[in-house]
Full PDB file with SEQRES, HELIX, SHEET, SSBOND, CRYST1, ORIGX, SCALE, CONECT and MASTER records, all heavy atoms in Angstrom:
SEQRES   1 A   41  ASN LEU ILE ILE ASN SER ASN ILE THR LEU LEU PRO PHE          
SEQRES   2 A   41  THR ASP GLY ILE PRO ILE TYR PRO PRO VAL ASP ALA ILE          
SEQRES   3 A   41  LEU VAL MET GLN SER ILE LEU PRO TYR SER ILE ARG PRO          
SEQRES   4 A   41  GLU LEU                                                      
HELIX    1 AA1 PRO A   34  SER A   36  5                                   3    
CRYST1    1.000    1.000    1.000  90.00  90.00  90.00 P 1           1          
ORIGX1      1.000000  0.000000  0.000000        0.00000                         
ORIGX2      0.000000  1.000000  0.000000        0.00000                         
ORIGX3      0.000000  0.000000  1.000000        0.00000                         
SCALE1      1.000000  0.000000  0.000000        0.00000                         
SCALE2      0.000000  1.000000  0.000000        0.00000                         
SCALE3      0.000000  0.000000  1.000000        0.00000                         
ATOM      1  N   ASN A   1     146.160 -21.085 -76.397  1.00  0.00           N  
ATOM      2  CA  ASN A   1     147.213 -21.162 -75.371  1.00  0.00           C  
ATOM      3  C   ASN A   1     148.530 -20.541 -75.805  1.00  0.00           C  
ATOM      4  O   ASN A   1     149.549 -20.715 -75.118  1.00  0.00           O  
ATOM      5  CB  ASN A   1     147.436 -22.616 -74.971  1.00  0.00           C  
ATOM      6  CG  ASN A   1     146.277 -23.155 -74.153  1.00  0.00           C  
ATOM      7  OD1 ASN A   1     146.152 -22.837 -72.996  1.00  0.00           O  
ATOM      8  ND2 ASN A   1     145.426 -23.930 -74.802  1.00  0.00           N  
ATOM      9  N   LEU A   2     148.534 -19.817 -76.915  1.00  0.00           N  
ATOM     10  CA  LEU A   2     149.742 -19.165 -77.347  1.00  0.00           C  
ATOM     11  C   LEU A   2     149.991 -17.888 -76.548  1.00  0.00           C  
ATOM     12  O   LEU A   2     149.053 -17.148 -76.255  1.00  0.00           O  
ATOM     13  CB  LEU A   2     149.653 -18.790 -78.846  1.00  0.00           C  
ATOM     14  CG  LEU A   2     149.608 -19.959 -79.819  1.00  0.00           C  
ATOM     15  CD1 LEU A   2     149.409 -19.439 -81.223  1.00  0.00           C  
ATOM     16  CD2 LEU A   2     150.891 -20.783 -79.725  1.00  0.00           C  
ATOM     17  N   ILE A   3     151.240 -17.650 -76.218  1.00  0.00           N  
ATOM     18  CA  ILE A   3     151.605 -16.386 -75.573  1.00  0.00           C  
ATOM     19  C   ILE A   3     151.626 -15.297 -76.643  1.00  0.00           C  
ATOM     20  O   ILE A   3     151.727 -15.597 -77.837  1.00  0.00           O  
ATOM     21  CB  ILE A   3     152.977 -16.455 -74.875  1.00  0.00           C  
ATOM     22  CG1 ILE A   3     154.102 -16.768 -75.880  1.00  0.00           C  
ATOM     23  CG2 ILE A   3     152.962 -17.457 -73.742  1.00  0.00           C  
ATOM     24  CD1 ILE A   3     155.507 -16.681 -75.320  1.00  0.00           C  
ATOM     25  N   ILE A   4     151.453 -14.084 -76.255  1.00  0.00           N  
ATOM     26  CA  ILE A   4     151.558 -12.970 -77.209  1.00  0.00           C  
ATOM     27  C   ILE A   4     153.040 -12.702 -77.371  1.00  0.00           C  
ATOM     28  O   ILE A   4     153.729 -12.336 -76.423  1.00  0.00           O  
ATOM     29  CB  ILE A   4     150.799 -11.743 -76.711  1.00  0.00           C  
ATOM     30  CG1 ILE A   4     149.300 -12.070 -76.603  1.00  0.00           C  
ATOM     31  CG2 ILE A   4     151.033 -10.547 -77.615  1.00  0.00           C  
ATOM     32  CD1 ILE A   4     148.477 -11.000 -75.952  1.00  0.00           C  
ATOM     33  N   ASN A   5     153.508 -12.903 -78.606  1.00  0.00           N  
ATOM     34  CA  ASN A   5     154.943 -12.758 -78.862  1.00  0.00           C  
ATOM     35  C   ASN A   5     155.107 -12.367 -80.334  1.00  0.00           C  
ATOM     36  O   ASN A   5     154.440 -12.930 -81.205  1.00  0.00           O  
ATOM     37  CB  ASN A   5     155.667 -14.064 -78.559  1.00  0.00           C  
ATOM     38  CG  ASN A   5     157.156 -13.906 -78.434  1.00  0.00           C  
ATOM     39  OD1 ASN A   5     157.806 -13.475 -79.365  1.00  0.00           O  
ATOM     40  ND2 ASN A   5     157.709 -14.284 -77.290  1.00  0.00           N  
ATOM     41  N   SER A   6     156.029 -11.469 -80.603  1.00  0.00           N  
ATOM     42  CA  SER A   6     156.191 -10.967 -81.970  1.00  0.00           C  
ATOM     43  C   SER A   6     156.680 -12.032 -82.936  1.00  0.00           C  
ATOM     44  O   SER A   6     156.506 -11.847 -84.156  1.00  0.00           O  
ATOM     45  CB  SER A   6     157.147  -9.787 -81.956  1.00  0.00           C  
ATOM     46  OG  SER A   6     158.431 -10.187 -81.521  1.00  0.00           O  
ATOM     47  N   ASN A   7     157.280 -13.101 -82.497  1.00  0.00           N  
ATOM     48  CA  ASN A   7     157.758 -14.131 -83.434  1.00  0.00           C  
ATOM     49  C   ASN A   7     156.811 -15.332 -83.554  1.00  0.00           C  
ATOM     50  O   ASN A   7     157.195 -16.362 -84.048  1.00  0.00           O  
ATOM     51  CB  ASN A   7     159.198 -14.535 -83.139  1.00  0.00           C  
ATOM     52  CG  ASN A   7     159.434 -15.005 -81.725  1.00  0.00           C  
ATOM     53  OD1 ASN A   7     158.729 -14.652 -80.801  1.00  0.00           O  
ATOM     54  ND2 ASN A   7     160.460 -15.817 -81.546  1.00  0.00           N  
ATOM     55  N   ILE A   8     155.591 -15.225 -83.073  1.00  0.00           N  
ATOM     56  CA  ILE A   8     154.570 -16.253 -83.243  1.00  0.00           C  
ATOM     57  C   ILE A   8     153.464 -15.671 -84.126  1.00  0.00           C  
ATOM     58  O   ILE A   8     152.889 -14.628 -83.821  1.00  0.00           O  
ATOM     59  CB  ILE A   8     153.957 -16.699 -81.892  1.00  0.00           C  
ATOM     60  CG1 ILE A   8     155.021 -17.309 -80.993  1.00  0.00           C  
ATOM     61  CG2 ILE A   8     152.840 -17.701 -82.173  1.00  0.00           C  
ATOM     62  CD1 ILE A   8     154.493 -17.684 -79.609  1.00  0.00           C  
ATOM     63  N   THR A   9     153.116 -16.413 -85.193  1.00  0.00           N  
ATOM     64  CA  THR A   9     152.033 -15.984 -86.086  1.00  0.00           C  
ATOM     65  C   THR A   9     151.041 -17.135 -86.218  1.00  0.00           C  
ATOM     66  O   THR A   9     151.404 -18.258 -86.574  1.00  0.00           O  
ATOM     67  CB  THR A   9     152.604 -15.650 -87.496  1.00  0.00           C  
ATOM     68  OG1 THR A   9     153.604 -14.639 -87.369  1.00  0.00           O  
ATOM     69  CG2 THR A   9     151.512 -15.189 -88.454  1.00  0.00           C  
ATOM     70  N   LEU A  10     149.794 -16.840 -85.929  1.00  0.00           N  
ATOM     71  CA  LEU A  10     148.720 -17.832 -86.117  1.00  0.00           C  
ATOM     72  C   LEU A  10     148.226 -17.742 -87.539  1.00  0.00           C  
ATOM     73  O   LEU A  10     147.867 -16.675 -88.040  1.00  0.00           O  
ATOM     74  CB  LEU A  10     147.564 -17.578 -85.152  1.00  0.00           C  
ATOM     75  CG  LEU A  10     146.375 -18.486 -85.296  1.00  0.00           C  
ATOM     76  CD1 LEU A  10     146.733 -19.928 -84.976  1.00  0.00           C  
ATOM     77  CD2 LEU A  10     145.214 -18.022 -84.426  1.00  0.00           C  
ATOM     78  N   LEU A  11     148.211 -18.882 -88.234  1.00  0.00           N  
ATOM     79  CA  LEU A  11     147.621 -19.000 -89.569  1.00  0.00           C  
ATOM     80  C   LEU A  11     146.289 -19.741 -89.384  1.00  0.00           C  
ATOM     81  O   LEU A  11     146.275 -20.975 -89.194  1.00  0.00           O  
ATOM     82  CB  LEU A  11     148.562 -19.761 -90.499  1.00  0.00           C  
ATOM     83  CG  LEU A  11     149.966 -19.187 -90.673  1.00  0.00           C  
ATOM     84  CD1 LEU A  11     150.818 -20.105 -91.546  1.00  0.00           C  
ATOM     85  CD2 LEU A  11     149.889 -17.778 -91.274  1.00  0.00           C  
ATOM     86  N   PRO A  12     145.178 -19.031 -89.362  1.00  0.00           N  
ATOM     87  CA  PRO A  12     143.874 -19.664 -89.046  1.00  0.00           C  
ATOM     88  C   PRO A  12     143.501 -20.752 -90.052  1.00  0.00           C  
ATOM     89  O   PRO A  12     143.569 -20.554 -91.260  1.00  0.00           O  
ATOM     90  CB  PRO A  12     142.890 -18.533 -89.083  1.00  0.00           C  
ATOM     91  CG  PRO A  12     143.700 -17.295 -88.969  1.00  0.00           C  
ATOM     92  CD  PRO A  12     145.032 -17.592 -89.602  1.00  0.00           C  
ATOM     93  N   PHE A  13     143.102 -21.908 -89.497  1.00  0.00           N  
ATOM     94  CA  PHE A  13     142.637 -23.046 -90.285  1.00  0.00           C  
ATOM     95  C   PHE A  13     141.126 -22.978 -90.358  1.00  0.00           C  
ATOM     96  O   PHE A  13     140.466 -22.738 -89.343  1.00  0.00           O  
ATOM     97  CB  PHE A  13     143.090 -24.356 -89.632  1.00  0.00           C  
ATOM     98  CG  PHE A  13     142.681 -25.572 -90.399  1.00  0.00           C  
ATOM     99  CD1 PHE A  13     143.509 -26.089 -91.390  1.00  0.00           C  
ATOM    100  CD2 PHE A  13     141.505 -26.221 -90.127  1.00  0.00           C  
ATOM    101  CE1 PHE A  13     143.155 -27.218 -92.087  1.00  0.00           C  
ATOM    102  CE2 PHE A  13     141.125 -27.356 -90.838  1.00  0.00           C  
ATOM    103  CZ  PHE A  13     141.960 -27.858 -91.815  1.00  0.00           C  
ATOM    104  N   THR A  14     140.589 -23.206 -91.550  1.00  0.00           N  
ATOM    105  CA  THR A  14     139.145 -23.251 -91.737  1.00  0.00           C  
ATOM    106  C   THR A  14     138.804 -24.506 -92.547  1.00  0.00           C  
ATOM    107  O   THR A  14     139.431 -24.762 -93.580  1.00  0.00           O  
ATOM    108  CB  THR A  14     138.665 -22.005 -92.524  1.00  0.00           C  
ATOM    109  OG1 THR A  14     139.093 -20.841 -91.816  1.00  0.00           O  
ATOM    110  CG2 THR A  14     137.136 -21.995 -92.635  1.00  0.00           C  
ATOM    111  N   ASP A  15     137.873 -25.260 -92.038  1.00  0.00           N  
ATOM    112  CA  ASP A  15     137.448 -26.483 -92.761  1.00  0.00           C  
ATOM    113  C   ASP A  15     137.048 -26.124 -94.186  1.00  0.00           C  
ATOM    114  O   ASP A  15     136.339 -25.151 -94.429  1.00  0.00           O  
ATOM    115  CB  ASP A  15     136.249 -27.134 -92.062  1.00  0.00           C  
ATOM    116  CG  ASP A  15     136.609 -27.704 -90.704  1.00  0.00           C  
ATOM    117  OD1 ASP A  15     137.762 -28.100 -90.492  1.00  0.00           O  
ATOM    118  OD2 ASP A  15     135.712 -27.745 -89.845  1.00  0.00           O  
ATOM    119  N   GLY A  16     137.595 -26.901 -95.153  1.00  0.00           N  
ATOM    120  CA  GLY A  16     137.217 -26.719 -96.542  1.00  0.00           C  
ATOM    121  C   GLY A  16     138.003 -25.675 -97.302  1.00  0.00           C  
ATOM    122  O   GLY A  16     137.814 -25.546 -98.508  1.00  0.00           O  
ATOM    123  N   ILE A  17     138.830 -24.908 -96.622  1.00  0.00           N  
ATOM    124  CA  ILE A  17     139.615 -23.852 -97.265  1.00  0.00           C  
ATOM    125  C   ILE A  17     141.092 -24.238 -97.303  1.00  0.00           C  
ATOM    126  O   ILE A  17     141.686 -24.554 -96.269  1.00  0.00           O  
ATOM    127  CB  ILE A  17     139.484 -22.506 -96.503  1.00  0.00           C  
ATOM    128  CG1 ILE A  17     138.026 -22.109 -96.322  1.00  0.00           C  
ATOM    129  CG2 ILE A  17     140.314 -21.381 -97.167  1.00  0.00           C  
ATOM    130  CD1 ILE A  17     137.285 -21.790 -97.588  1.00  0.00           C  
ATOM    131  N   PRO A  18     141.713 -24.260 -98.482  1.00  0.00           N  
ATOM    132  CA  PRO A  18     143.147 -24.645 -98.578  1.00  0.00           C  
ATOM    133  C   PRO A  18     144.038 -23.725 -97.752  1.00  0.00           C  
ATOM    134  O   PRO A  18     143.763 -22.531 -97.645  1.00  0.00           O  
ATOM    135  CB  PRO A  18     143.465 -24.520-100.049  1.00  0.00           C  
ATOM    136  CG  PRO A  18     142.157 -24.549-100.769  1.00  0.00           C  
ATOM    137  CD  PRO A  18     141.163 -23.950 -99.800  1.00  0.00           C  
ATOM    138  N   ILE A  19     145.057 -24.303 -97.171  1.00  0.00           N  
ATOM    139  CA  ILE A  19     146.050 -23.526 -96.416  1.00  0.00           C  
ATOM    140  C   ILE A  19     147.449 -24.010 -96.761  1.00  0.00           C  
ATOM    141  O   ILE A  19     147.672 -25.218 -96.855  1.00  0.00           O  
ATOM    142  CB  ILE A  19     145.790 -23.542 -94.894  1.00  0.00           C  
ATOM    143  CG1 ILE A  19     146.737 -22.533 -94.195  1.00  0.00           C  
ATOM    144  CG2 ILE A  19     145.935 -24.932 -94.318  1.00  0.00           C  
ATOM    145  CD1 ILE A  19     146.232 -22.091 -92.857  1.00  0.00           C  
ATOM    146  N   TYR A  20     148.340 -23.079 -96.988  1.00  0.00           N  
ATOM    147  CA  TYR A  20     149.717 -23.385 -97.381  1.00  0.00           C  
ATOM    148  C   TYR A  20     150.646 -22.940 -96.274  1.00  0.00           C  
ATOM    149  O   TYR A  20     150.640 -21.777 -95.913  1.00  0.00           O  
ATOM    150  CB  TYR A  20     150.078 -22.651 -98.659  1.00  0.00           C  
ATOM    151  CG  TYR A  20     149.335 -23.122 -99.894  1.00  0.00           C  
ATOM    152  CD1 TYR A  20     148.060 -22.619-100.178  1.00  0.00           C  
ATOM    153  CD2 TYR A  20     149.873 -24.039-100.753  1.00  0.00           C  
ATOM    154  CE1 TYR A  20     147.346 -23.062-101.274  1.00  0.00           C  
ATOM    155  CE2 TYR A  20     149.183 -24.483-101.859  1.00  0.00           C  
ATOM    156  CZ  TYR A  20     147.938 -23.989-102.127  1.00  0.00           C  
ATOM    157  OH  TYR A  20     147.241 -24.424-103.234  1.00  0.00           O  
ATOM    158  N   PRO A  21     151.435 -23.859 -95.745  1.00  0.00           N  
ATOM    159  CA  PRO A  21     152.475 -23.440 -94.793  1.00  0.00           C  
ATOM    160  C   PRO A  21     153.454 -22.506 -95.512  1.00  0.00           C  
ATOM    161  O   PRO A  21     153.643 -22.603 -96.726  1.00  0.00           O  
ATOM    162  CB  PRO A  21     153.151 -24.733 -94.386  1.00  0.00           C  
ATOM    163  CG  PRO A  21     152.241 -25.830 -94.785  1.00  0.00           C  
ATOM    164  CD  PRO A  21     151.449 -25.301 -95.936  1.00  0.00           C  
ATOM    165  N   PRO A  22     154.108 -21.590 -94.775  1.00  0.00           N  
ATOM    166  CA  PRO A  22     155.089 -20.720 -95.443  1.00  0.00           C  
ATOM    167  C   PRO A  22     156.163 -21.558 -96.170  1.00  0.00           C  
ATOM    168  O   PRO A  22     156.610 -22.604 -95.662  1.00  0.00           O  
ATOM    169  CB  PRO A  22     155.728 -19.957 -94.283  1.00  0.00           C  
ATOM    170  CG  PRO A  22     154.643 -19.978 -93.217  1.00  0.00           C  
ATOM    171  CD  PRO A  22     153.933 -21.276 -93.379  1.00  0.00           C  
ATOM    172  N   VAL A  23     156.507 -21.123 -97.343  1.00  0.00           N  
ATOM    173  CA  VAL A  23     157.388 -21.913 -98.241  1.00  0.00           C  
ATOM    174  C   VAL A  23     158.717 -22.249 -97.587  1.00  0.00           C  
ATOM    175  O   VAL A  23     159.212 -23.371 -97.709  1.00  0.00           O  
ATOM    176  CB  VAL A  23     157.633 -21.133 -99.569  1.00  0.00           C  
ATOM    177  CG1 VAL A  23     158.621 -21.863-100.449  1.00  0.00           C  
ATOM    178  CG2 VAL A  23     156.334 -20.933-100.292  1.00  0.00           C  
ATOM    179  N   ASP A  24     159.310 -21.322 -96.870  1.00  0.00           N  
ATOM    180  CA  ASP A  24     160.642 -21.544 -96.332  1.00  0.00           C  
ATOM    181  C   ASP A  24     160.630 -22.013 -94.869  1.00  0.00           C  
ATOM    182  O   ASP A  24     161.646 -21.987 -94.192  1.00  0.00           O  
ATOM    183  CB  ASP A  24     161.483 -20.269 -96.464  1.00  0.00           C  
ATOM    184  CG  ASP A  24     160.769 -19.028 -95.939  1.00  0.00           C  
ATOM    185  OD1 ASP A  24     159.567 -19.130 -95.583  1.00  0.00           O  
ATOM    186  OD2 ASP A  24     161.415 -17.983 -95.893  1.00  0.00           O  
ATOM    187  N   ALA A  25     159.474 -22.467 -94.376  1.00  0.00           N  
ATOM    188  CA  ALA A  25     159.370 -22.963 -93.001  1.00  0.00           C  
ATOM    189  C   ALA A  25     159.428 -24.482 -92.984  1.00  0.00           C  
ATOM    190  O   ALA A  25     159.013 -25.141 -93.937  1.00  0.00           O  
ATOM    191  CB  ALA A  25     158.092 -22.478 -92.358  1.00  0.00           C  
ATOM    192  N   ILE A  26     159.948 -25.001 -91.896  1.00  0.00           N  
ATOM    193  CA  ILE A  26     159.907 -26.457 -91.645  1.00  0.00           C  
ATOM    194  C   ILE A  26     158.543 -26.773 -91.063  1.00  0.00           C  
ATOM    195  O   ILE A  26     158.174 -26.192 -90.026  1.00  0.00           O  
ATOM    196  CB  ILE A  26     161.031 -26.906 -90.705  1.00  0.00           C  
ATOM    197  CG1 ILE A  26     162.396 -26.589 -91.320  1.00  0.00           C  
ATOM    198  CG2 ILE A  26     160.904 -28.396 -90.358  1.00  0.00           C  
ATOM    199  CD1 ILE A  26     163.567 -26.746 -90.353  1.00  0.00           C  
ATOM    200  N   LEU A  27     157.790 -27.649 -91.709  1.00  0.00           N  
ATOM    201  CA  LEU A  27     156.445 -28.010 -91.257  1.00  0.00           C  
ATOM    202  C   LEU A  27     156.560 -29.151 -90.239  1.00  0.00           C  
ATOM    203  O   LEU A  27     157.123 -30.200 -90.545  1.00  0.00           O  
ATOM    204  CB  LEU A  27     155.587 -28.438 -92.440  1.00  0.00           C  
ATOM    205  CG  LEU A  27     154.153 -28.907 -92.132  1.00  0.00           C  
ATOM    206  CD1 LEU A  27     153.354 -27.794 -91.463  1.00  0.00           C  
ATOM    207  CD2 LEU A  27     153.480 -29.380 -93.412  1.00  0.00           C  
ATOM    208  N   VAL A  28     156.043 -28.906 -89.054  1.00  0.00           N  
ATOM    209  CA  VAL A  28     156.052 -29.909 -87.963  1.00  0.00           C  
ATOM    210  C   VAL A  28     154.624 -30.329 -87.719  1.00  0.00           C  
ATOM    211  O   VAL A  28     153.753 -29.509 -87.467  1.00  0.00           O  
ATOM    212  CB  VAL A  28     156.644 -29.308 -86.666  1.00  0.00           C  
ATOM    213  CG1 VAL A  28     156.651 -30.354 -85.549  1.00  0.00           C  
ATOM    214  CG2 VAL A  28     158.054 -28.772 -86.915  1.00  0.00           C  
ATOM    215  N   MET A  29     154.376 -31.636 -87.855  1.00  0.00           N  
ATOM    216  CA  MET A  29     153.034 -32.148 -87.611  1.00  0.00           C  
ATOM    217  C   MET A  29     153.094 -33.557 -87.024  1.00  0.00           C  
ATOM    218  O   MET A  29     154.134 -34.207 -87.112  1.00  0.00           O  
ATOM    219  CB  MET A  29     152.217 -32.137 -88.916  1.00  0.00           C  
ATOM    220  CG  MET A  29     152.802 -32.990 -90.034  1.00  0.00           C  
ATOM    221  SD  MET A  29     151.943 -32.790 -91.605  1.00  0.00           S  
ATOM    222  CE  MET A  29     150.395 -33.567 -91.271  1.00  0.00           C  
ATOM    223  N   GLN A  30     152.041 -33.943 -86.397  1.00  0.00           N  
ATOM    224  CA  GLN A  30     151.962 -35.303 -85.830  1.00  0.00           C  
ATOM    225  C   GLN A  30     152.067 -36.298 -86.966  1.00  0.00           C  
ATOM    226  O   GLN A  30     151.468 -36.096 -88.032  1.00  0.00           O  
ATOM    227  CB  GLN A  30     150.659 -35.483 -85.073  1.00  0.00           C  
ATOM    228  CG  GLN A  30     150.491 -36.892 -84.501  1.00  0.00           C  
ATOM    229  CD  GLN A  30     149.142 -37.082 -83.845  1.00  0.00           C  
ATOM    230  OE1 GLN A  30     148.183 -36.407 -84.110  1.00  0.00           O  
ATOM    231  NE2 GLN A  30     149.071 -38.053 -82.965  1.00  0.00           N  
ATOM    232  N   SER A  31     152.816 -37.358 -86.753  1.00  0.00           N  
ATOM    233  CA  SER A  31     152.907 -38.361 -87.808  1.00  0.00           C  
ATOM    234  C   SER A  31     151.569 -39.063 -87.941  1.00  0.00           C  
ATOM    235  O   SER A  31     150.950 -39.459 -86.942  1.00  0.00           O  
ATOM    236  CB  SER A  31     154.007 -39.354 -87.514  1.00  0.00           C  
ATOM    237  OG  SER A  31     153.831 -39.970 -86.274  1.00  0.00           O  
ATOM    238  N   ILE A  32     151.107 -39.135 -89.173  1.00  0.00           N  
ATOM    239  CA  ILE A  32     149.853 -39.808 -89.491  1.00  0.00           C  
ATOM    240  C   ILE A  32     150.020 -40.515 -90.806  1.00  0.00           C  
ATOM    241  O   ILE A  32     150.941 -40.245 -91.568  1.00  0.00           O  
ATOM    242  CB  ILE A  32     148.664 -38.816 -89.548  1.00  0.00           C  
ATOM    243  CG1 ILE A  32     148.899 -37.737 -90.612  1.00  0.00           C  
ATOM    244  CG2 ILE A  32     148.377 -38.197 -88.196  1.00  0.00           C  
ATOM    245  CD1 ILE A  32     147.696 -36.802 -90.793  1.00  0.00           C  
ATOM    246  N   LEU A  33     149.106 -41.389 -91.097  1.00  0.00           N  
ATOM    247  CA  LEU A  33     149.118 -42.061 -92.384  1.00  0.00           C  
ATOM    248  C   LEU A  33     148.934 -41.025 -93.485  1.00  0.00           C  
ATOM    249  O   LEU A  33     148.108 -40.104 -93.341  1.00  0.00           O  
ATOM    250  CB  LEU A  33     148.043 -43.127 -92.436  1.00  0.00           C  
ATOM    251  CG  LEU A  33     148.246 -44.260 -91.407  1.00  0.00           C  
ATOM    252  CD1 LEU A  33     146.979 -45.059 -91.230  1.00  0.00           C  
ATOM    253  CD2 LEU A  33     149.397 -45.146 -91.869  1.00  0.00           C  
ATOM    254  N   PRO A  34     149.681 -41.120 -94.570  1.00  0.00           N  
ATOM    255  CA  PRO A  34     149.626 -40.102 -95.600  1.00  0.00           C  
ATOM    256  C   PRO A  34     148.232 -39.808 -96.136  1.00  0.00           C  
ATOM    257  O   PRO A  34     147.886 -38.640 -96.402  1.00  0.00           O  
ATOM    258  CB  PRO A  34     150.523 -40.663 -96.701  1.00  0.00           C  
ATOM    259  CG  PRO A  34     151.411 -41.637 -96.032  1.00  0.00           C  
ATOM    260  CD  PRO A  34     150.645 -42.164 -94.854  1.00  0.00           C  
ATOM    261  N   TYR A  35     147.414 -40.825 -96.283  1.00  0.00           N  
ATOM    262  CA  TYR A  35     146.076 -40.614 -96.786  1.00  0.00           C  
ATOM    263  C   TYR A  35     145.150 -39.967 -95.759  1.00  0.00           C  
ATOM    264  O   TYR A  35     144.023 -39.577 -96.100  1.00  0.00           O  
ATOM    265  CB  TYR A  35     145.457 -41.921 -97.324  1.00  0.00           C  
ATOM    266  CG  TYR A  35     145.374 -43.041 -96.304  1.00  0.00           C  
ATOM    267  CD1 TYR A  35     144.370 -43.078 -95.338  1.00  0.00           C  
ATOM    268  CD2 TYR A  35     146.307 -44.061 -96.325  1.00  0.00           C  
ATOM    269  CE1 TYR A  35     144.310 -44.088 -94.418  1.00  0.00           C  
ATOM    270  CE2 TYR A  35     146.255 -45.095 -95.390  1.00  0.00           C  
ATOM    271  CZ  TYR A  35     145.246 -45.099 -94.430  1.00  0.00           C  
ATOM    272  OH  TYR A  35     145.198 -46.110 -93.519  1.00  0.00           O  
ATOM    273  N   SER A  36     145.615 -39.805 -94.534  1.00  0.00           N  
ATOM    274  CA  SER A  36     144.809 -39.169 -93.475  1.00  0.00           C  
ATOM    275  C   SER A  36     145.068 -37.662 -93.373  1.00  0.00           C  
ATOM    276  O   SER A  36     144.416 -36.981 -92.588  1.00  0.00           O  
ATOM    277  CB  SER A  36     145.114 -39.810 -92.106  1.00  0.00           C  
ATOM    278  OG  SER A  36     144.810 -41.195 -92.149  1.00  0.00           O  
ATOM    279  N   ILE A  37     146.051 -37.165 -94.093  1.00  0.00           N  
ATOM    280  CA  ILE A  37     146.336 -35.741 -94.044  1.00  0.00           C  
ATOM    281  C   ILE A  37     145.156 -34.953 -94.584  1.00  0.00           C  
ATOM    282  O   ILE A  37     144.633 -35.274 -95.654  1.00  0.00           O  
ATOM    283  CB  ILE A  37     147.620 -35.398 -94.829  1.00  0.00           C  
ATOM    284  CG1 ILE A  37     148.836 -36.091 -94.170  1.00  0.00           C  
ATOM    285  CG2 ILE A  37     147.851 -33.904 -94.936  1.00  0.00           C  
ATOM    286  CD1 ILE A  37     150.126 -35.976 -94.936  1.00  0.00           C  
ATOM    287  N   ARG A  38     144.712 -33.976 -93.844  1.00  0.00           N  
ATOM    288  CA  ARG A  38     143.558 -33.171 -94.246  1.00  0.00           C  
ATOM    289  C   ARG A  38     143.771 -32.604 -95.653  1.00  0.00           C  
ATOM    290  O   ARG A  38     144.846 -32.105 -95.970  1.00  0.00           O  
ATOM    291  CB  ARG A  38     143.331 -32.034 -93.263  1.00  0.00           C  
ATOM    292  CG  ARG A  38     143.028 -32.424 -91.825  1.00  0.00           C  
ATOM    293  CD  ARG A  38     141.577 -32.759 -91.592  1.00  0.00           C  
ATOM    294  NE  ARG A  38     140.657 -31.745 -92.029  1.00  0.00           N  
ATOM    295  CZ  ARG A  38     139.961 -30.948 -91.208  1.00  0.00           C  
ATOM    296  NH1 ARG A  38     140.102 -31.027 -89.924  1.00  0.00           N  
ATOM    297  NH2 ARG A  38     139.100 -30.087 -91.715  1.00  0.00           N  
ATOM    298  N   PRO A  39     142.737 -32.633 -96.507  1.00  0.00           N  
ATOM    299  CA  PRO A  39     142.893 -32.120 -97.882  1.00  0.00           C  
ATOM    300  C   PRO A  39     143.127 -30.630 -97.921  1.00  0.00           C  
ATOM    301  O   PRO A  39     143.661 -30.103 -98.902  1.00  0.00           O  
ATOM    302  CB  PRO A  39     141.583 -32.498 -98.563  1.00  0.00           C  
ATOM    303  CG  PRO A  39     140.610 -32.699 -97.434  1.00  0.00           C  
ATOM    304  CD  PRO A  39     141.420 -33.205 -96.264  1.00  0.00           C  
ATOM    305  N   GLU A  40     142.780 -29.896 -96.854  1.00  0.00           N  
ATOM    306  CA  GLU A  40     142.992 -28.444 -96.835  1.00  0.00           C  
ATOM    307  C   GLU A  40     144.480 -28.098 -96.770  1.00  0.00           C  
ATOM    308  O   GLU A  40     144.885 -27.048 -97.267  1.00  0.00           O  
ATOM    309  CB  GLU A  40     142.275 -27.799 -95.616  1.00  0.00           C  
ATOM    310  CG  GLU A  40     140.801 -27.882 -95.656  1.00  0.00           C  
ATOM    311  CD  GLU A  40     140.253 -29.123 -94.963  1.00  0.00           C  
ATOM    312  OE1 GLU A  40     141.002 -30.090 -94.674  1.00  0.00           O  
ATOM    313  OE2 GLU A  40     139.034 -29.167 -94.703  1.00  0.00           O  
ATOM    314  N   LEU A  41     145.258 -28.961 -96.163  1.00  0.00           N  
ATOM    315  CA  LEU A  41     146.703 -28.694 -96.012  1.00  0.00           C  
ATOM    316  C   LEU A  41     147.404 -28.982 -97.329  1.00  0.00           C  
ATOM    317  O   LEU A  41     147.450 -30.098 -97.827  1.00  0.00           O  
ATOM    318  CB  LEU A  41     147.315 -29.568 -94.921  1.00  0.00           C  
ATOM    319  CG  LEU A  41     148.801 -29.367 -94.673  1.00  0.00           C  
ATOM    320  CD1 LEU A  41     149.121 -27.960 -94.213  1.00  0.00           C  
ATOM    321  CD2 LEU A  41     149.354 -30.374 -93.662  1.00  0.00           C  
TER     322      LEU A  41                                                      
MASTER        0    0    0    1    0    0    0    6  321    1    0    4          
END                                                                             
């Protein structure tokens, strides 16, 4: 549902593969219990 826009970048998530948010970005995520955070993130 993302619009095509030059300032939007999709970082594809894959089960079992680590993913790092950009270092200088503010990470916005749904609040969840800390132990429920996916290990890939």
